[in-house]
Amino acid sequence: MDVLVSLETFFKEVKSSLSGGENVYIRGFGSFIIKRRAKKVGRHIKKNVSIEIPEHYIPSFKAAKVCVDQVKDNVTSLPEDEGED
């Protein structure tokens, strides 16, 4: 139960930092970063009209090279129901 509380607190802090415009770096694991999405024109398919999608920011995760390399070196296959989509 302590682990669950710790994880919930950690993720709450990550969300709070990202909401405040700060990236979160965890050495050897990865980074929770904010990505900027530029303004663009989209299409409302049902109404067949163009709509403007304003500039916005989204959270993203980028795994650290150490983490990626460890997974590459140790995972040889996935269970059949978890393959690539």
PDB file of N, CA and C in Angstrom:
ATOM      1  N   MET A   1       0.817  -1.189   0.000  1.00  0.00           N
ATOM      2  CA  MET A   1       0.000   0.000   0.000  1.00  0.00           C
ATOM      3  C   MET A   1       0.865   1.259   0.000  1.00  0.00           C
ATOM      4  N   ASP A   2       2.029   1.202   0.682  1.00  0.00           N
ATOM      5  CA  ASP A   2       2.938   2.353   0.708  1.00  0.00           C
ATOM      6  C   ASP A   2       3.447   2.686  -0.687  1.00  0.00           C
ATOM      7  N   VAL A   3       3.671   1.651  -1.503  1.00  0.00           N
ATOM      8  CA  VAL A   3       4.161   1.867  -2.862  1.00  0.00           C
ATOM      9  C   VAL A   3       3.111   2.617  -3.671  1.00  0.00           C
ATOM     10  N   LEU A   4       1.858   2.225  -3.542  1.00  0.00           N
ATOM     11  CA  LEU A   4       0.776   2.889  -4.274  1.00  0.00           C
ATOM     12  C   LEU A   4       0.682   4.365  -3.897  1.00  0.00           C
ATOM     13  N   VAL A   5       0.757   4.657  -2.620  1.00  0.00           N
ATOM     14  CA  VAL A   5       0.705   6.047  -2.150  1.00  0.00           C
ATOM     15  C   VAL A   5       1.904   6.830  -2.687  1.00  0.00           C
ATOM     16  N   SER A   6       3.083   6.218  -2.652  1.00  0.00           N
ATOM     17  CA  SER A   6       4.285   6.881  -3.159  1.00  0.00           C
ATOM     18  C   SER A   6       4.164   7.181  -4.648  1.00  0.00           C
ATOM     19  N   LEU A   7       3.682   6.208  -5.422  1.00  0.00           N
ATOM     20  CA  LEU A   7       3.526   6.420  -6.863  1.00  0.00           C
ATOM     21  C   LEU A   7       2.487   7.496  -7.164  1.00  0.00           C
ATOM     22  N   GLU A   8       1.374   7.467  -6.452  1.00  0.00           N
ATOM     23  CA  GLU A   8       0.345   8.498  -6.665  1.00  0.00           C
ATOM     24  C   GLU A   8       0.892   9.885  -6.345  1.00  0.00           C
ATOM     25  N   THR A   9       1.669   9.993  -5.281  1.00  0.00           N
ATOM     26  CA  THR A   9       2.284  11.274  -4.914  1.00  0.00           C
ATOM     27  C   THR A   9       3.288  11.702  -5.977  1.00  0.00           C
ATOM     28  N   PHE A  10       4.100  10.772  -6.454  1.00  0.00           N
ATOM     29  CA  PHE A  10       5.081  11.072  -7.493  1.00  0.00           C
ATOM     30  C   PHE A  10       4.394  11.604  -8.752  1.00  0.00           C
ATOM     31  N   PHE A  11       3.366  10.896  -9.234  1.00  0.00           N
ATOM     32  CA  PHE A  11       2.687  11.325 -10.451  1.00  0.00           C
ATOM     33  C   PHE A  11       1.948  12.645 -10.262  1.00  0.00           C
ATOM     34  N   LYS A  12       1.449  12.881  -9.069  1.00  0.00           N
ATOM     35  CA  LYS A  12       0.811  14.171  -8.778  1.00  0.00           C
ATOM     36  C   LYS A  12       1.841  15.294  -8.905  1.00  0.00           C
ATOM     37  N   GLU A  13       3.041  15.066  -8.395  1.00  0.00           N
ATOM     38  CA  GLU A  13       4.111  16.062  -8.488  1.00  0.00           C
ATOM     39  C   GLU A  13       4.568  16.264  -9.931  1.00  0.00           C
ATOM     40  N   VAL A  14       4.643  15.190 -10.705  1.00  0.00           N
ATOM     41  CA  VAL A  14       5.016  15.302 -12.113  1.00  0.00           C
ATOM     42  C   VAL A  14       3.981  16.147 -12.849  1.00  0.00           C
ATOM     43  N   LYS A  15       2.689  15.861 -12.641  1.00  0.00           N
ATOM     44  CA  LYS A  15       1.627  16.633 -13.296  1.00  0.00           C
ATOM     45  C   LYS A  15       1.678  18.096 -12.867  1.00  0.00           C
ATOM     46  N   SER A  16       1.925  18.326 -11.594  1.00  0.00           N
ATOM     47  CA  SER A  16       2.011  19.699 -11.092  1.00  0.00           C
ATOM     48  C   SER A  16       3.184  20.444 -11.734  1.00  0.00           C
ATOM     49  N   SER A  17       4.329  19.801 -11.837  1.00  0.00           N
ATOM     50  CA  SER A  17       5.500  20.424 -12.461  1.00  0.00           C
ATOM     51  C   SER A  17       5.247  20.720 -13.932  1.00  0.00           C
ATOM     52  N   LEU A  18       4.684  19.763 -14.654  1.00  0.00           N
ATOM     53  CA  LEU A  18       4.396  19.969 -16.075  1.00  0.00           C
ATOM     54  C   LEU A  18       3.380  21.089 -16.265  1.00  0.00           C
ATOM     55  N   SER A  19       2.367  21.130 -15.404  1.00  0.00           N
ATOM     56  CA  SER A  19       1.360  22.202 -15.481  1.00  0.00           C
ATOM     57  C   SER A  19       1.983  23.563 -15.241  1.00  0.00           C
ATOM     58  N   GLY A  20       3.048  23.603 -14.451  1.00  0.00           N
ATOM     59  CA  GLY A  20       3.745  24.850 -14.163  1.00  0.00           C
ATOM     60  C   GLY A  20       4.816  25.190 -15.187  1.00  0.00           C
ATOM     61  N   GLY A  21       4.926  24.384 -16.240  1.00  0.00           N
ATOM     62  CA  GLY A  21       5.887  24.661 -17.301  1.00  0.00           C
ATOM     63  C   GLY A  21       7.276  24.097 -17.079  1.00  0.00           C
ATOM     64  N   GLU A  22       7.429  23.212 -16.087  1.00  0.00           N
ATOM     65  CA  GLU A  22       8.739  22.628 -15.797  1.00  0.00           C
ATOM     66  C   GLU A  22       8.808  21.188 -16.272  1.00  0.00           C
ATOM     67  N   ASN A  23       9.937  20.809 -16.900  1.00  0.00           N
ATOM     68  CA  ASN A  23      10.160  19.420 -17.277  1.00  0.00           C
ATOM     69  C   ASN A  23      10.689  18.653 -16.064  1.00  0.00           C
ATOM     70  N   VAL A  24      10.498  17.329 -16.063  1.00  0.00           N
ATOM     71  CA  VAL A  24      10.964  16.484 -14.959  1.00  0.00           C
ATOM     72  C   VAL A  24      11.931  15.451 -15.526  1.00  0.00           C
ATOM     73  N   TYR A  25      13.161  15.431 -15.012  1.00  0.00           N
ATOM     74  CA  TYR A  25      14.190  14.516 -15.497  1.00  0.00           C
ATOM     75  C   TYR A  25      14.507  13.485 -14.419  1.00  0.00           C
ATOM     76  N   ILE A  26      14.482  12.207 -14.794  1.00  0.00           N
ATOM     77  CA  ILE A  26      14.821  11.127 -13.869  1.00  0.00           C
ATOM     78  C   ILE A  26      16.003  10.375 -14.470  1.00  0.00           C
ATOM     79  N   ARG A  27      17.170  10.595 -13.897  1.00  0.00           N
ATOM     80  CA  ARG A  27      18.404  10.024 -14.444  1.00  0.00           C
ATOM     81  C   ARG A  27      18.304   8.505 -14.563  1.00  0.00           C
ATOM     82  N   GLY A  28      18.638   7.995 -15.728  1.00  0.00           N
ATOM     83  CA  GLY A  28      18.640   6.559 -15.973  1.00  0.00           C
ATOM     84  C   GLY A  28      17.283   5.989 -16.335  1.00  0.00           C
ATOM     85  N   PHE A  29      16.236   6.792 -16.266  1.00  0.00           N
ATOM     86  CA  PHE A  29      14.891   6.312 -16.590  1.00  0.00           C
ATOM     87  C   PHE A  29      14.303   7.076 -17.765  1.00  0.00           C
ATOM     88  N   GLY A  30      14.204   8.402 -17.639  1.00  0.00           N
ATOM     89  CA  GLY A  30      13.670   9.192 -18.742  1.00  0.00           C
ATOM     90  C   GLY A  30      13.222  10.564 -18.293  1.00  0.00           C
ATOM     91  N   SER A  31      12.579  11.261 -19.209  1.00  0.00           N
ATOM     92  CA  SER A  31      12.145  12.632 -18.969  1.00  0.00           C
ATOM     93  C   SER A  31      10.677  12.814 -19.297  1.00  0.00           C
ATOM     94  N   PHE A  32       9.979  13.503 -18.414  1.00  0.00           N
ATOM     95  CA  PHE A  32       8.617  13.944 -18.681  1.00  0.00           C
ATOM     96  C   PHE A  32       8.765  15.376 -19.167  1.00  0.00           C
ATOM     97  N   ILE A  33       8.403  15.631 -20.417  1.00  0.00           N
ATOM     98  CA  ILE A  33       8.636  16.932 -21.014  1.00  0.00           C
ATOM     99  C   ILE A  33       7.348  17.514 -21.585  1.00  0.00           C
ATOM    100  N   ILE A  34       7.403  18.811 -21.856  1.00  0.00           N
ATOM    101  CA  ILE A  34       6.281  19.506 -22.459  1.00  0.00           C
ATOM    102  C   ILE A  34       6.621  19.741 -23.922  1.00  0.00           C
ATOM    103  N   LYS A  35       5.711  19.353 -24.815  1.00  0.00           N
ATOM    104  CA  LYS A  35       5.917  19.580 -26.239  1.00  0.00           C
ATOM    105  C   LYS A  35       4.922  20.618 -26.737  1.00  0.00           C
ATOM    106  N   ARG A  36       5.405  21.502 -27.594  1.00  0.00           N
ATOM    107  CA  ARG A  36       4.567  22.541 -28.190  1.00  0.00           C
ATOM    108  C   ARG A  36       3.996  22.024 -29.502  1.00  0.00           C
ATOM    109  N   ARG A  37       2.709  22.171 -29.671  1.00  0.00           N
ATOM    110  CA  ARG A  37       2.043  21.841 -30.931  1.00  0.00           C
ATOM    111  C   ARG A  37       1.630  23.152 -31.585  1.00  0.00           C
ATOM    112  N   ALA A  38       2.095  23.372 -32.784  1.00  0.00           N
ATOM    113  CA  ALA A  38       1.822  24.621 -33.490  1.00  0.00           C
ATOM    114  C   ALA A  38       0.355  24.707 -33.912  1.00  0.00           C
ATOM    115  N   LYS A  39      -0.083  25.933 -34.157  1.00  0.00           N
ATOM    116  CA  LYS A  39      -1.437  26.163 -34.659  1.00  0.00           C
ATOM    117  C   LYS A  39      -1.549  25.506 -36.042  1.00  0.00           C
ATOM    118  N   LYS A  40      -2.693  24.885 -36.313  1.00  0.00           N
ATOM    119  CA  LYS A  40      -2.881  24.261 -37.619  1.00  0.00           C
ATOM    120  C   LYS A  40      -4.350  24.254 -37.998  1.00  0.00           C
ATOM    121  N   VAL A  41      -4.605  23.929 -39.238  1.00  0.00           N
ATOM    122  CA  VAL A  41      -5.973  23.841 -39.733  1.00  0.00           C
ATOM    123  C   VAL A  41      -6.342  22.366 -39.810  1.00  0.00           C
ATOM    124  N   GLY A  42      -7.471  22.023 -39.198  1.00  0.00           N
ATOM    125  CA  GLY A  42      -7.984  20.667 -39.245  1.00  0.00           C
ATOM    126  C   GLY A  42      -9.314  20.648 -39.968  1.00  0.00           C
ATOM    127  N   ARG A  43      -9.956  19.510 -40.001  1.00  0.00           N
ATOM    128  CA  ARG A  43     -11.227  19.397 -40.690  1.00  0.00           C
ATOM    129  C   ARG A  43     -12.215  18.658 -39.806  1.00  0.00           C
ATOM    130  N   HIS A  44     -13.423  19.226 -39.679  1.00  0.00           N
ATOM    131  CA  HIS A  44     -14.529  18.566 -38.989  1.00  0.00           C
ATOM    132  C   HIS A  44     -15.179  17.671 -40.035  1.00  0.00           C
ATOM    133  N   ILE A  45     -14.949  16.373 -39.920  1.00  0.00           N
ATOM    134  CA  ILE A  45     -15.348  15.429 -40.968  1.00  0.00           C
ATOM    135  C   ILE A  45     -16.858  15.388 -41.174  1.00  0.00           C
ATOM    136  N   LYS A  46     -17.634  15.353 -40.110  1.00  0.00           N
ATOM    137  CA  LYS A  46     -19.089  15.246 -40.245  1.00  0.00           C
ATOM    138  C   LYS A  46     -19.697  16.467 -40.925  1.00  0.00           C
ATOM    139  N   LYS A  47     -19.148  17.654 -40.619  1.00  0.00           N
ATOM    140  CA  LYS A  47     -19.691  18.888 -41.196  1.00  0.00           C
ATOM    141  C   LYS A  47     -18.929  19.326 -42.445  1.00  0.00           C
ATOM    142  N   ASN A  48     -17.806  18.674 -42.731  1.00  0.00           N
ATOM    143  CA  ASN A  48     -16.954  18.996 -43.873  1.00  0.00           C
ATOM    144  C   ASN A  48     -16.561  20.476 -43.898  1.00  0.00           C
ATOM    145  N   VAL A  49     -16.131  20.972 -42.756  1.00  0.00           N
ATOM    146  CA  VAL A  49     -15.670  22.358 -42.668  1.00  0.00           C
ATOM    147  C   VAL A  49     -14.277  22.389 -42.036  1.00  0.00           C
ATOM    148  N   SER A  50     -13.511  23.400 -42.395  1.00  0.00           N
ATOM    149  CA  SER A  50     -12.185  23.586 -41.813  1.00  0.00           C
ATOM    150  C   SER A  50     -12.328  24.240 -40.445  1.00  0.00           C
ATOM    151  N   ILE A  51     -11.487  23.796 -39.517  1.00  0.00           N
ATOM    152  CA  ILE A  51     -11.460  24.414 -38.191  1.00  0.00           C
ATOM    153  C   ILE A  51     -10.008  24.722 -37.843  1.00  0.00           C
ATOM    154  N   GLU A  52      -9.825  25.786 -37.095  1.00  0.00           N
ATOM    155  CA  GLU A  52      -8.479  26.142 -36.663  1.00  0.00           C
ATOM    156  C   GLU A  52      -8.219  25.516 -35.304  1.00  0.00           C
ATOM    157  N   ILE A  53      -7.126  24.773 -35.221  1.00  0.00           N
ATOM    158  CA  ILE A  53      -6.711  24.179 -33.955  1.00  0.00           C
ATOM    159  C   ILE A  53      -5.616  25.088 -33.399  1.00  0.00           C
ATOM    160  N   PRO A  54      -5.859  25.711 -32.257  1.00  0.00           N
ATOM    161  CA  PRO A  54      -4.881  26.680 -31.729  1.00  0.00           C
ATOM    162  C   PRO A  54      -3.606  25.992 -31.234  1.00  0.00           C
ATOM    163  N   GLU A  55      -2.566  26.786 -31.087  1.00  0.00           N
ATOM    164  CA  GLU A  55      -1.324  26.289 -30.503  1.00  0.00           C
ATOM    165  C   GLU A  55      -1.633  25.742 -29.108  1.00  0.00           C
ATOM    166  N   HIS A  56      -1.014  24.612 -28.771  1.00  0.00           N
ATOM    167  CA  HIS A  56      -1.230  24.043 -27.445  1.00  0.00           C
ATOM    168  C   HIS A  56      -0.006  23.229 -27.033  1.00  0.00           C
ATOM    169  N   TYR A  57       0.014  22.844 -25.791  1.00  0.00           N
ATOM    170  CA  TYR A  57       1.141  22.103 -25.228  1.00  0.00           C
ATOM    171  C   TYR A  57       0.638  20.770 -24.687  1.00  0.00           C
ATOM    172  N   ILE A  58       1.438  19.715 -24.891  1.00  0.00           N
ATOM    173  CA  ILE A  58       1.049  18.387 -24.418  1.00  0.00           C
ATOM    174  C   ILE A  58       2.204  17.766 -23.624  1.00  0.00           C
ATOM    175  N   PRO A  59       1.886  16.908 -22.659  1.00  0.00           N
ATOM    176  CA  PRO A  59       2.949  16.203 -21.943  1.00  0.00           C
ATOM    177  C   PRO A  59       3.462  15.043 -22.794  1.00  0.00           C
ATOM    178  N   SER A  60       4.724  14.723 -22.620  1.00  0.00           N
ATOM    179  CA  SER A  60       5.328  13.632 -23.366  1.00  0.00           C
ATOM    180  C   SER A  60       6.372  12.959 -22.480  1.00  0.00           C
ATOM    181  N   PHE A  61       6.696  11.707 -22.802  1.00  0.00           N
ATOM    182  CA  PHE A  61       7.738  10.991 -22.071  1.00  0.00           C
ATOM    183  C   PHE A  61       8.793  10.530 -23.057  1.00  0.00           C
ATOM    184  N   LYS A  62      10.054  10.727 -22.712  1.00  0.00           N
ATOM    185  CA  LYS A  62      11.153  10.253 -23.538  1.00  0.00           C
ATOM    186  C   LYS A  62      12.047   9.407 -22.644  1.00  0.00           C
ATOM    187  N   ALA A  63      12.178   8.139 -23.003  1.00  0.00           N
ATOM    188  CA  ALA A  63      12.997   7.224 -22.210  1.00  0.00           C
ATOM    189  C   ALA A  63      14.473   7.580 -22.344  1.00  0.00           C
ATOM    190  N   ALA A  64      15.213   7.404 -21.262  1.00  0.00           N
ATOM    191  CA  ALA A  64      16.656   7.641 -21.266  1.00  0.00           C
ATOM    192  C   ALA A  64      17.347   6.556 -22.082  1.00  0.00           C
ATOM    193  N   LYS A  65      18.493   6.887 -22.666  1.00  0.00           N
ATOM    194  CA  LYS A  65      19.223   5.936 -23.491  1.00  0.00           C
ATOM    195  C   LYS A  65      19.564   4.666 -22.709  1.00  0.00           C
ATOM    196  N   VAL A  66      19.933   4.810 -21.447  1.00  0.00           N
ATOM    197  CA  VAL A  66      20.256   3.652 -20.610  1.00  0.00           C
ATOM    198  C   VAL A  66      19.056   2.704 -20.516  1.00  0.00           C
ATOM    199  N   CYS A  67      17.874   3.266 -20.325  1.00  0.00           N
ATOM    200  CA  CYS A  67      16.650   2.468 -20.212  1.00  0.00           C
ATOM    201  C   CYS A  67      16.326   1.777 -21.536  1.00  0.00           C
ATOM    202  N   VAL A  68      16.421   2.520 -22.631  1.00  0.00           N
ATOM    203  CA  VAL A  68      16.140   1.960 -23.954  1.00  0.00           C
ATOM    204  C   VAL A  68      17.106   0.822 -24.263  1.00  0.00           C
ATOM    205  N   ASP A  69      18.383   1.039 -24.002  1.00  0.00           N
ATOM    206  CA  ASP A  69      19.388   0.009 -24.276  1.00  0.00           C
ATOM    207  C   ASP A  69      19.158  -1.250 -23.448  1.00  0.00           C
ATOM    208  N   GLN A  70      18.758  -1.088 -22.193  1.00  0.00           N
ATOM    209  CA  GLN A  70      18.509  -2.249 -21.336  1.00  0.00           C
ATOM    210  C   GLN A  70      17.339  -3.065 -21.866  1.00  0.00           C
ATOM    211  N   VAL A  71      16.280  -2.398 -22.311  1.00  0.00           N
ATOM    212  CA  VAL A  71      15.129  -3.112 -22.867  1.00  0.00           C
ATOM    213  C   VAL A  71      15.532  -3.815 -24.158  1.00  0.00           C
ATOM    214  N   LYS A  72      16.264  -3.123 -25.033  1.00  0.00           N
ATOM    215  CA  LYS A  72      16.705  -3.725 -26.294  1.00  0.00           C
ATOM    216  C   LYS A  72      17.537  -4.978 -26.060  1.00  0.00           C
ATOM    217  N   ASP A  73      18.413  -4.920 -25.066  1.00  0.00           N
ATOM    218  CA  ASP A  73      19.322  -6.028 -24.805  1.00  0.00           C
ATOM    219  C   ASP A  73      18.653  -7.219 -24.134  1.00  0.00           C
ATOM    220  N   ASN A  74      17.539  -7.012 -23.431  1.00  0.00           N
ATOM    221  CA  ASN A  74      16.967  -8.079 -22.627  1.00  0.00           C
ATOM    222  C   ASN A  74      15.629  -8.639 -23.113  1.00  0.00           C
ATOM    223  N   VAL A  75      14.868  -7.886 -23.887  1.00  0.00           N
ATOM    224  CA  VAL A  75      13.573  -8.376 -24.346  1.00  0.00           C
ATOM    225  C   VAL A  75      13.754  -9.009 -25.719  1.00  0.00           C
ATOM    226  N   THR A  76      13.406 -10.286 -25.806  1.00  0.00           N
ATOM    227  CA  THR A  76      13.546 -10.988 -27.083  1.00  0.00           C
ATOM    228  C   THR A  76      12.218 -11.141 -27.800  1.00  0.00           C
ATOM    229  N   SER A  77      11.104 -11.155 -27.055  1.00  0.00           N
ATOM    230  CA  SER A  77       9.786 -11.233 -27.681  1.00  0.00           C
ATOM    231  C   SER A  77       8.728 -10.803 -26.675  1.00  0.00           C
ATOM    232  N   LEU A  78       7.570 -10.456 -27.205  1.00  0.00           N
ATOM    233  CA  LEU A  78       6.438 -10.073 -26.362  1.00  0.00           C
ATOM    234  C   LEU A  78       5.402 -11.182 -26.424  1.00  0.00           C
ATOM    235  N   PRO A  79       4.562 -11.293 -25.402  1.00  0.00           N
ATOM    236  CA  PRO A  79       3.441 -12.225 -25.500  1.00  0.00           C
ATOM    237  C   PRO A  79       2.607 -11.855 -26.727  1.00  0.00           C
ATOM    238  N   GLU A  80       1.977 -12.820 -27.354  1.00  0.00           N
ATOM    239  CA  GLU A  80       1.268 -12.608 -28.619  1.00  0.00           C
ATOM    240  C   GLU A  80       0.215 -11.502 -28.567  1.00  0.00           C
ATOM    241  N   ASP A  81      -0.489 -11.341 -27.463  1.00  0.00           N
ATOM    242  CA  ASP A  81      -1.539 -10.340 -27.385  1.00  0.00           C
ATOM    243  C   ASP A  81      -1.002  -8.929 -27.175  1.00  0.00           C
ATOM    244  N   GLU A  82       0.309  -8.763 -26.981  1.00  0.00           N
ATOM    245  CA  GLU A  82       0.896  -7.452 -26.765  1.00  0.00           C
ATOM    246  C   GLU A  82       1.824  -7.029 -27.891  1.00  0.00           C
ATOM    247  N   GLY A  83       1.711  -7.613 -29.080  1.00  0.00           N
ATOM    248  CA  GLY A  83       2.559  -7.262 -30.198  1.00  0.00           C
ATOM    249  C   GLY A  83       2.271  -5.877 -30.715  1.00  0.00           C
ATOM    250  N   GLU A  84       3.000  -5.503 -31.760  1.00  0.00           N
ATOM    251  CA  GLU A  84       2.813  -4.172 -32.347  1.00  0.00           C
ATOM    252  C   GLU A  84       1.434  -4.043 -32.961  1.00  0.00           C
ATOM    253  N   ASP A  85       0.891  -2.803 -32.867  1.00  0.00           N
ATOM    254  CA  ASP A  85      -0.417  -2.537 -33.443  1.00  0.00           C
ATOM    255  C   ASP A  85      -0.309  -2.054 -34.854  1.00  0.00           C
TER     256      ASP A  85
END
